[in-house]
Amino acid sequence: MNHLRPVLSSAIAACVLVLAGCSGKADRLTDAELSKLLHTDGQPDYRVDASAVDCLRAWSGDASLQQGLPAAYQGDQKDECRRTVQGWLDDPARNPQQLLFTDLAKPKPTRRAMDLLAALPALPNAQPDATAATPPPAPAPAAAAPANTFTPVGETVEQRFNSSAEEMDYLCQQARQIIERAGLANADLTRRVNECVQSAGELRAQMSAETANQSGWGQSALARAAQLQVRSAQLLVSDAQRAADAKR
């Protein structure tokens, strides 16, 4: 395996540069922070927006959370709500943690958002607002690439590697779904999705070999390389969403 050491060493060096500015994941948010991310402009920070919670449910990939969703979230509304919530997250005052939509649209933070919504007190009596029924226009996609917010979970090197590999799988499939739903005929994005899936498989094969050889150094290097590949997958999802937005 000596021929892999220069490659793995380069991967480690790149990881250190990229991951130095990473922040925590959505699971680490307090209730107040999560509510602030998902509240409607003009409402108190603690009032989680029901449509934003439905959007997370639609994208969570968890069938139990998707039960009872309005039919609109199986069509164009699913992509539209994602653009709206991501637009909120692009506001650094609202989202100093620089979380992505994909960080929130996971089963655990989605369930927390549902619990926060269910616990909200009723609004005081007020005159109906004729403009309240009209959702604000979706903000323009941000020009800057999103920050890498992923931190692998696990006590052992192998557990952290598996955490990164599973995140890669999730993001690869998210990008593929965006491309398919938007009907994008984009050869570059399709190629990148295929490479994303292939990279995850190759990293797993290399980790199996290093584990069989009981190479702790090689396992650690691959765990860091997998975490770096998550960054590429995050950028792929962001680019796919921008291409889908531009087509509309």
C-alpha atoms as a PDB file:
ATOM      1  CA  MET A   1       0.000   0.000   0.000  1.00  0.00           C
ATOM      2  CA  ASN A   2       3.057   2.277  -0.038  1.00  0.00           C
ATOM      3  CA  HIS A   3       1.993   3.745  -3.386  1.00  0.00           C
ATOM      4  CA  LEU A   4      -1.094   5.205  -1.646  1.00  0.00           C
ATOM      5  CA  ARG A   5       0.857   7.163   0.962  1.00  0.00           C
ATOM      6  CA  PRO A   6       1.658  10.244  -1.213  1.00  0.00           C
ATOM      7  CA  VAL A   7      -1.995  10.456  -2.296  1.00  0.00           C
ATOM      8  CA  LEU A   8      -3.295  10.052   1.226  1.00  0.00           C
ATOM      9  CA  SER A   9      -0.789  12.577   2.567  1.00  0.00           C
ATOM     10  CA  SER A  10      -2.047  15.127   0.041  1.00  0.00           C
ATOM     11  CA  ALA A  11      -5.620  14.361   1.072  1.00  0.00           C
ATOM     12  CA  ILE A  12      -4.761  14.983   4.722  1.00  0.00           C
ATOM     13  CA  ALA A  13      -3.124  18.325   3.918  1.00  0.00           C
ATOM     14  CA  ALA A  14      -6.117  19.425   1.863  1.00  0.00           C
ATOM     15  CA  CYS A  15      -8.489  18.353   4.626  1.00  0.00           C
ATOM     16  CA  VAL A  16      -6.690  20.496   7.187  1.00  0.00           C
ATOM     17  CA  LEU A  17      -7.089  23.590   4.998  1.00  0.00           C
ATOM     18  CA  VAL A  18     -10.726  23.004   4.142  1.00  0.00           C
ATOM     19  CA  LEU A  19     -11.976  21.805   7.517  1.00  0.00           C
ATOM     20  CA  ALA A  20     -10.307  24.460   9.631  1.00  0.00           C
ATOM     21  CA  GLY A  21     -13.347  26.740   9.435  1.00  0.00           C
ATOM     22  CA  CYS A  22     -16.068  24.108   9.854  1.00  0.00           C
ATOM     23  CA  SER A  23     -18.855  24.839  12.281  1.00  0.00           C
ATOM     24  CA  GLY A  24     -21.224  22.539  14.181  1.00  0.00           C
ATOM     25  CA  LYS A  25     -24.033  20.511  12.685  1.00  0.00           C
ATOM     26  CA  ALA A  26     -27.753  21.158  12.976  1.00  0.00           C
ATOM     27  CA  ASP A  27     -27.993  18.599  15.799  1.00  0.00           C
ATOM     28  CA  ARG A  28     -26.025  20.963  18.021  1.00  0.00           C
ATOM     29  CA  LEU A  29     -28.417  23.886  17.630  1.00  0.00           C
ATOM     30  CA  THR A  30     -30.395  25.024  20.641  1.00  0.00           C
ATOM     31  CA  ASP A  31     -34.174  25.241  20.304  1.00  0.00           C
ATOM     32  CA  ALA A  32     -33.881  29.028  20.100  1.00  0.00           C
ATOM     33  CA  GLU A  33     -31.303  28.841  17.310  1.00  0.00           C
ATOM     34  CA  LEU A  34     -33.339  26.327  15.298  1.00  0.00           C
ATOM     35  CA  SER A  35     -36.491  28.418  15.716  1.00  0.00           C
ATOM     36  CA  LYS A  36     -34.662  31.524  14.520  1.00  0.00           C
ATOM     37  CA  LEU A  37     -33.543  29.732  11.356  1.00  0.00           C
ATOM     38  CA  LEU A  38     -37.104  28.644  10.521  1.00  0.00           C
ATOM     39  CA  HIS A  39     -39.223  31.647  11.496  1.00  0.00           C
ATOM     40  CA  THR A  40     -41.102  33.817   8.994  1.00  0.00           C
ATOM     41  CA  ASP A  41     -39.913  37.394   8.547  1.00  0.00           C
ATOM     42  CA  GLY A  42     -42.129  39.711  10.545  1.00  0.00           C
ATOM     43  CA  GLN A  43     -42.845  37.095  13.233  1.00  0.00           C
ATOM     44  CA  PRO A  44     -40.994  36.629  16.542  1.00  0.00           C
ATOM     45  CA  ASP A  45     -37.848  34.518  16.281  1.00  0.00           C
ATOM     46  CA  TYR A  46     -39.393  31.719  18.325  1.00  0.00           C
ATOM     47  CA  ARG A  47     -42.348  31.184  15.962  1.00  0.00           C
ATOM     48  CA  VAL A  48     -41.303  28.312  13.684  1.00  0.00           C
ATOM     49  CA  ASP A  49     -42.943  28.604  10.259  1.00  0.00           C
ATOM     50  CA  ALA A  50     -45.277  25.690   9.487  1.00  0.00           C
ATOM     51  CA  SER A  51     -44.509  25.677   5.765  1.00  0.00           C
ATOM     52  CA  ALA A  52     -40.762  25.572   6.494  1.00  0.00           C
ATOM     53  CA  VAL A  53     -41.290  22.548   8.745  1.00  0.00           C
ATOM     54  CA  ASP A  54     -43.373  20.843   6.018  1.00  0.00           C
ATOM     55  CA  CYS A  55     -40.532  21.549   3.600  1.00  0.00           C
ATOM     56  CA  LEU A  56     -38.012  19.806   5.859  1.00  0.00           C
ATOM     57  CA  ARG A  57     -40.392  16.856   6.171  1.00  0.00           C
ATOM     58  CA  ALA A  58     -40.688  16.645   2.374  1.00  0.00           C
ATOM     59  CA  TRP A  59     -36.903  16.552   1.934  1.00  0.00           C
ATOM     60  CA  SER A  60     -36.083  14.463   5.020  1.00  0.00           C
ATOM     61  CA  GLY A  61     -36.134  11.135   3.160  1.00  0.00           C
ATOM     62  CA  ASP A  62     -38.062   9.636   6.104  1.00  0.00           C
ATOM     63  CA  ALA A  63     -41.410   8.137   5.093  1.00  0.00           C
ATOM     64  CA  SER A  64     -42.752   8.388   8.649  1.00  0.00           C
ATOM     65  CA  LEU A  65     -42.147  12.146   8.674  1.00  0.00           C
ATOM     66  CA  GLN A  66     -43.682  12.596   5.232  1.00  0.00           C
ATOM     67  CA  GLN A  67     -47.029  11.065   6.196  1.00  0.00           C
ATOM     68  CA  GLY A  68     -49.879  13.562   5.943  1.00  0.00           C
ATOM     69  CA  LEU A  69     -47.938  16.123   3.905  1.00  0.00           C
ATOM     70  CA  PRO A  70     -50.033  18.183   1.479  1.00  0.00           C
ATOM     71  CA  ALA A  71     -49.912  16.816  -2.060  1.00  0.00           C
ATOM     72  CA  ALA A  72     -48.274  20.038  -3.246  1.00  0.00           C
ATOM     73  CA  TYR A  73     -45.050  18.971  -1.530  1.00  0.00           C
ATOM     74  CA  GLN A  74     -44.765  16.089  -3.983  1.00  0.00           C
ATOM     75  CA  GLY A  75     -44.629  18.545  -6.905  1.00  0.00           C
ATOM     76  CA  ASP A  76     -43.275  22.011  -7.652  1.00  0.00           C
ATOM     77  CA  GLN A  77     -43.912  23.193  -4.095  1.00  0.00           C
ATOM     78  CA  LYS A  78     -41.155  20.877  -2.873  1.00  0.00           C
ATOM     79  CA  ASP A  79     -38.482  22.679  -4.913  1.00  0.00           C
ATOM     80  CA  GLU A  80     -40.030  26.106  -4.283  1.00  0.00           C
ATOM     81  CA  CYS A  81     -40.027  25.726  -0.510  1.00  0.00           C
ATOM     82  CA  ARG A  82     -36.413  24.570  -0.544  1.00  0.00           C
ATOM     83  CA  ARG A  83     -35.373  27.748  -2.384  1.00  0.00           C
ATOM     84  CA  THR A  84     -37.255  29.845   0.156  1.00  0.00           C
ATOM     85  CA  VAL A  85     -35.716  28.187   3.212  1.00  0.00           C
ATOM     86  CA  GLN A  86     -32.232  28.224   1.673  1.00  0.00           C
ATOM     87  CA  GLY A  87     -32.768  31.933   1.023  1.00  0.00           C
ATOM     88  CA  TRP A  88     -33.412  32.451   4.731  1.00  0.00           C
ATOM     89  CA  LEU A  89     -30.244  30.499   5.523  1.00  0.00           C
ATOM     90  CA  ASP A  90     -28.221  32.719   3.187  1.00  0.00           C
ATOM     91  CA  ASP A  91     -28.830  35.604   5.633  1.00  0.00           C
ATOM     92  CA  PRO A  92     -25.776  35.659   7.956  1.00  0.00           C
ATOM     93  CA  ALA A  93     -27.740  37.542  10.639  1.00  0.00           C
ATOM     94  CA  ARG A  94     -30.252  34.699  10.798  1.00  0.00           C
ATOM     95  CA  ASN A  95     -27.749  31.898  10.174  1.00  0.00           C
ATOM     96  CA  PRO A  96     -24.347  32.749  11.713  1.00  0.00           C
ATOM     97  CA  GLN A  97     -23.638  28.991  11.862  1.00  0.00           C
ATOM     98  CA  GLN A  98     -23.650  28.929   8.005  1.00  0.00           C
ATOM     99  CA  LEU A  99     -25.820  25.814   7.922  1.00  0.00           C
ATOM    100  CA  LEU A 100     -27.143  24.498   4.624  1.00  0.00           C
ATOM    101  CA  PHE A 101     -30.645  23.309   3.817  1.00  0.00           C
ATOM    102  CA  THR A 102     -29.268  19.773   3.645  1.00  0.00           C
ATOM    103  CA  ASP A 103     -28.057  20.118   7.247  1.00  0.00           C
ATOM    104  CA  LEU A 104     -31.602  20.816   8.448  1.00  0.00           C
ATOM    105  CA  ALA A 105     -33.492  18.419   6.145  1.00  0.00           C
ATOM    106  CA  LYS A 106     -32.446  15.366   8.131  1.00  0.00           C
ATOM    107  CA  PRO A 107     -34.793  13.274  10.292  1.00  0.00           C
ATOM    108  CA  LYS A 108     -33.436  14.416  13.678  1.00  0.00           C
ATOM    109  CA  PRO A 109     -33.540  18.226  13.153  1.00  0.00           C
ATOM    110  CA  THR A 110     -36.818  17.834  11.262  1.00  0.00           C
ATOM    111  CA  ARG A 111     -38.409  16.074  14.237  1.00  0.00           C
ATOM    112  CA  ARG A 112     -37.121  18.806  16.536  1.00  0.00           C
ATOM    113  CA  ALA A 113     -38.638  21.463  14.261  1.00  0.00           C
ATOM    114  CA  MET A 114     -41.964  19.594  14.293  1.00  0.00           C
ATOM    115  CA  ASP A 115     -41.894  19.485  18.108  1.00  0.00           C
ATOM    116  CA  LEU A 116     -41.143  23.214  18.304  1.00  0.00           C
ATOM    117  CA  LEU A 117     -44.027  23.957  15.943  1.00  0.00           C
ATOM    118  CA  ALA A 118     -46.427  21.794  17.956  1.00  0.00           C
ATOM    119  CA  ALA A 119     -45.422  23.550  21.195  1.00  0.00           C
ATOM    120  CA  LEU A 120     -46.072  27.084  19.897  1.00  0.00           C
ATOM    121  CA  PRO A 121     -48.697  29.104  21.774  1.00  0.00           C
ATOM    122  CA  ALA A 122     -51.619  30.435  19.769  1.00  0.00           C
ATOM    123  CA  LEU A 123     -51.184  33.876  18.249  1.00  0.00           C
ATOM    124  CA  PRO A 124     -53.148  36.668  19.929  1.00  0.00           C
ATOM    125  CA  ASN A 125     -56.286  37.835  18.143  1.00  0.00           C
ATOM    126  CA  ALA A 126     -55.399  40.191  15.335  1.00  0.00           C
ATOM    127  CA  GLN A 127     -56.957  41.647  12.223  1.00  0.00           C
ATOM    128  CA  PRO A 128     -56.470  39.429   9.164  1.00  0.00           C
ATOM    129  CA  ASP A 129     -53.562  40.495   7.037  1.00  0.00           C
ATOM    130  CA  ALA A 130     -54.434  40.318   3.352  1.00  0.00           C
ATOM    131  CA  THR A 131     -50.757  40.110   2.426  1.00  0.00           C
ATOM    132  CA  ALA A 132     -50.015  37.233   4.787  1.00  0.00           C
ATOM    133  CA  ALA A 133     -51.382  34.639   2.370  1.00  0.00           C
ATOM    134  CA  THR A 134     -48.907  35.681  -0.311  1.00  0.00           C
ATOM    135  CA  PRO A 135     -45.502  34.143   0.356  1.00  0.00           C
ATOM    136  CA  PRO A 136     -42.489  36.355  -0.255  1.00  0.00           C
ATOM    137  CA  PRO A 137     -40.667  35.769  -3.546  1.00  0.00           C
ATOM    138  CA  ALA A 138     -37.834  33.297  -3.414  1.00  0.00           C
ATOM    139  CA  PRO A 139     -34.509  35.106  -2.958  1.00  0.00           C
ATOM    140  CA  ALA A 140     -31.894  34.948  -5.671  1.00  0.00           C
ATOM    141  CA  PRO A 141     -29.342  32.157  -5.181  1.00  0.00           C
ATOM    142  CA  ALA A 142     -26.258  33.257  -3.320  1.00  0.00           C
ATOM    143  CA  ALA A 143     -23.173  33.700  -5.487  1.00  0.00           C
ATOM    144  CA  ALA A 144     -20.756  32.454  -2.849  1.00  0.00           C
ATOM    145  CA  ALA A 145     -20.269  28.749  -2.257  1.00  0.00           C
ATOM    146  CA  PRO A 146     -21.722  27.532   1.057  1.00  0.00           C
ATOM    147  CA  ALA A 147     -19.424  26.698   3.929  1.00  0.00           C
ATOM    148  CA  ASN A 148     -18.713  23.092   4.821  1.00  0.00           C
ATOM    149  CA  THR A 149     -20.744  22.462   7.969  1.00  0.00           C
ATOM    150  CA  PHE A 150     -20.325  18.692   8.219  1.00  0.00           C
ATOM    151  CA  THR A 151     -18.625  17.085  11.203  1.00  0.00           C
ATOM    152  CA  PRO A 152     -18.443  13.258  11.206  1.00  0.00           C
ATOM    153  CA  VAL A 153     -19.921  11.404  14.158  1.00  0.00           C
ATOM    154  CA  GLY A 154     -18.255   8.515  15.997  1.00  0.00           C
ATOM    155  CA  GLU A 155     -15.718   7.582  18.622  1.00  0.00           C
ATOM    156  CA  THR A 156     -13.520   5.450  16.354  1.00  0.00           C
ATOM    157  CA  VAL A 157     -11.842   6.223  13.032  1.00  0.00           C
ATOM    158  CA  GLU A 158     -14.015   3.634  11.300  1.00  0.00           C
ATOM    159  CA  GLN A 159     -17.211   5.139  12.732  1.00  0.00           C
ATOM    160  CA  ARG A 160     -16.197   8.623  11.598  1.00  0.00           C
ATOM    161  CA  PHE A 161     -15.371   7.293   8.146  1.00  0.00           C
ATOM    162  CA  ASN A 162     -18.772   5.587   7.886  1.00  0.00           C
ATOM    163  CA  SER A 163     -20.455   8.811   8.997  1.00  0.00           C
ATOM    164  CA  SER A 164     -18.751  10.735   6.172  1.00  0.00           C
ATOM    165  CA  ALA A 165     -19.488   8.013   3.624  1.00  0.00           C
ATOM    166  CA  GLU A 166     -23.184   8.001   4.556  1.00  0.00           C
ATOM    167  CA  GLU A 167     -23.275  11.795   4.242  1.00  0.00           C
ATOM    168  CA  MET A 168     -21.740  11.496   0.774  1.00  0.00           C
ATOM    169  CA  ASP A 169     -24.416   8.975  -0.244  1.00  0.00           C
ATOM    170  CA  TYR A 170     -27.138  11.297   1.024  1.00  0.00           C
ATOM    171  CA  LEU A 171     -25.779  14.352  -0.811  1.00  0.00           C
ATOM    172  CA  CYS A 172     -25.150  12.442  -4.054  1.00  0.00           C
ATOM    173  CA  GLN A 173     -28.777  11.325  -4.082  1.00  0.00           C
ATOM    174  CA  GLN A 174     -29.998  14.830  -3.214  1.00  0.00           C
ATOM    175  CA  ALA A 175     -28.156  16.206  -6.260  1.00  0.00           C
ATOM    176  CA  ARG A 176     -29.538  13.449  -8.483  1.00  0.00           C
ATOM    177  CA  GLN A 177     -33.102  14.168  -7.315  1.00  0.00           C
ATOM    178  CA  ILE A 178     -32.749  17.895  -8.014  1.00  0.00           C
ATOM    179  CA  ILE A 179     -31.461  17.194 -11.531  1.00  0.00           C
ATOM    180  CA  GLU A 180     -34.213  14.684 -12.285  1.00  0.00           C
ATOM    181  CA  ARG A 181     -37.039  16.785 -10.854  1.00  0.00           C
ATOM    182  CA  ALA A 182     -35.920  19.860 -12.785  1.00  0.00           C
ATOM    183  CA  GLY A 183     -35.415  17.855 -15.992  1.00  0.00           C
ATOM    184  CA  LEU A 184     -31.911  19.228 -16.382  1.00  0.00           C
ATOM    185  CA  ALA A 185     -29.993  18.071 -19.446  1.00  0.00           C
ATOM    186  CA  ASN A 186     -26.659  19.048 -17.950  1.00  0.00           C
ATOM    187  CA  ALA A 187     -23.889  16.629 -18.858  1.00  0.00           C
ATOM    188  CA  ASP A 188     -21.413  18.153 -16.397  1.00  0.00           C
ATOM    189  CA  LEU A 189     -23.742  17.853 -13.405  1.00  0.00           C
ATOM    190  CA  THR A 190     -24.709  14.298 -14.393  1.00  0.00           C
ATOM    191  CA  ARG A 191     -21.036  13.373 -14.657  1.00  0.00           C
ATOM    192  CA  ARG A 192     -20.324  14.878 -11.232  1.00  0.00           C
ATOM    193  CA  VAL A 193     -23.209  12.957  -9.660  1.00  0.00           C
ATOM    194  CA  ASN A 194     -21.894   9.692 -11.117  1.00  0.00           C
ATOM    195  CA  GLU A 195     -18.388  10.514  -9.887  1.00  0.00           C
ATOM    196  CA  CYS A 196     -19.807  11.332  -6.455  1.00  0.00           C
ATOM    197  CA  VAL A 197     -21.397   7.885  -6.190  1.00  0.00           C
ATOM    198  CA  GLN A 198     -18.272   6.217  -7.581  1.00  0.00           C
ATOM    199  CA  SER A 199     -15.983   8.053  -5.135  1.00  0.00           C
ATOM    200  CA  ALA A 200     -18.042   6.869  -2.161  1.00  0.00           C
ATOM    201  CA  GLY A 201     -17.730   3.275  -3.347  1.00  0.00           C
ATOM    202  CA  GLU A 202     -13.995   3.566  -3.969  1.00  0.00           C
ATOM    203  CA  LEU A 203     -13.364   5.072  -0.538  1.00  0.00           C
ATOM    204  CA  ARG A 204     -15.261   2.216   1.097  1.00  0.00           C
ATOM    205  CA  ALA A 205     -13.212  -0.345  -0.847  1.00  0.00           C
ATOM    206  CA  GLN A 206      -9.955   1.342   0.186  1.00  0.00           C
ATOM    207  CA  MET A 207     -11.076   1.465   3.819  1.00  0.00           C
ATOM    208  CA  SER A 208     -11.865  -2.263   3.729  1.00  0.00           C
ATOM    209  CA  ALA A 209      -8.357  -2.943   2.435  1.00  0.00           C
ATOM    210  CA  GLU A 210      -6.707  -0.754   5.079  1.00  0.00           C
ATOM    211  CA  THR A 211      -8.805  -2.400   7.795  1.00  0.00           C
ATOM    212  CA  ALA A 212      -7.789  -5.862   6.589  1.00  0.00           C
ATOM    213  CA  ASN A 213      -4.149  -4.752   6.676  1.00  0.00           C
ATOM    214  CA  GLN A 214      -4.651  -3.272  10.152  1.00  0.00           C
ATOM    215  CA  SER A 215      -3.186  -0.002   8.949  1.00  0.00           C
ATOM    216  CA  GLY A 216      -4.259   2.621  11.468  1.00  0.00           C
ATOM    217  CA  TRP A 217      -2.448   5.358   9.547  1.00  0.00           C
ATOM    218  CA  GLY A 218      -4.205   4.451   6.296  1.00  0.00           C
ATOM    219  CA  GLN A 219      -7.608   4.317   8.004  1.00  0.00           C
ATOM    220  CA  SER A 220      -7.123   7.759   9.533  1.00  0.00           C
ATOM    221  CA  ALA A 221      -6.049   9.219   6.195  1.00  0.00           C
ATOM    222  CA  LEU A 222      -9.088   7.752   4.430  1.00  0.00           C
ATOM    223  CA  ALA A 223     -11.412   9.082   7.142  1.00  0.00           C
ATOM    224  CA  ARG A 224     -10.074  12.577   6.483  1.00  0.00           C
ATOM    225  CA  ALA A 225     -10.265  12.082   2.713  1.00  0.00           C
ATOM    226  CA  ALA A 226     -13.920  11.034   3.031  1.00  0.00           C
ATOM    227  CA  GLN A 227     -14.689  14.145   5.056  1.00  0.00           C
ATOM    228  CA  LEU A 228     -13.111  16.255   2.316  1.00  0.00           C
ATOM    229  CA  GLN A 229     -15.246  14.507  -0.303  1.00  0.00           C
ATOM    230  CA  VAL A 230     -18.345  15.571   1.642  1.00  0.00           C
ATOM    231  CA  ARG A 231     -17.368  19.163   0.816  1.00  0.00           C
ATOM    232  CA  SER A 232     -17.348  18.337  -2.901  1.00  0.00           C
ATOM    233  CA  ALA A 233     -20.758  16.705  -2.573  1.00  0.00           C
ATOM    234  CA  GLN A 234     -22.148  19.783  -0.780  1.00  0.00           C
ATOM    235  CA  LEU A 235     -20.942  21.997  -3.621  1.00  0.00           C
ATOM    236  CA  LEU A 236     -22.508  19.601  -6.132  1.00  0.00           C
ATOM    237  CA  VAL A 237     -25.917  19.921  -4.445  1.00  0.00           C
ATOM    238  CA  SER A 238     -25.561  23.714  -4.407  1.00  0.00           C
ATOM    239  CA  ASP A 239     -24.612  23.836  -8.110  1.00  0.00           C
ATOM    240  CA  ALA A 240     -27.479  21.521  -9.060  1.00  0.00           C
ATOM    241  CA  GLN A 241     -29.976  23.700  -7.193  1.00  0.00           C
ATOM    242  CA  ARG A 242     -28.644  26.855  -8.884  1.00  0.00           C
ATOM    243  CA  ALA A 243     -28.994  25.197 -12.304  1.00  0.00           C
ATOM    244  CA  ALA A 244     -32.547  24.158 -11.456  1.00  0.00           C
ATOM    245  CA  ASP A 245     -33.379  27.696 -10.323  1.00  0.00           C
ATOM    246  CA  ALA A 246     -31.937  29.185 -13.511  1.00  0.00           C
ATOM    247  CA  LYS A 247     -34.140  26.934 -15.648  1.00  0.00           C
ATOM    248  CA  ARG A 248     -37.350  28.287 -14.115  1.00  0.00           C
END
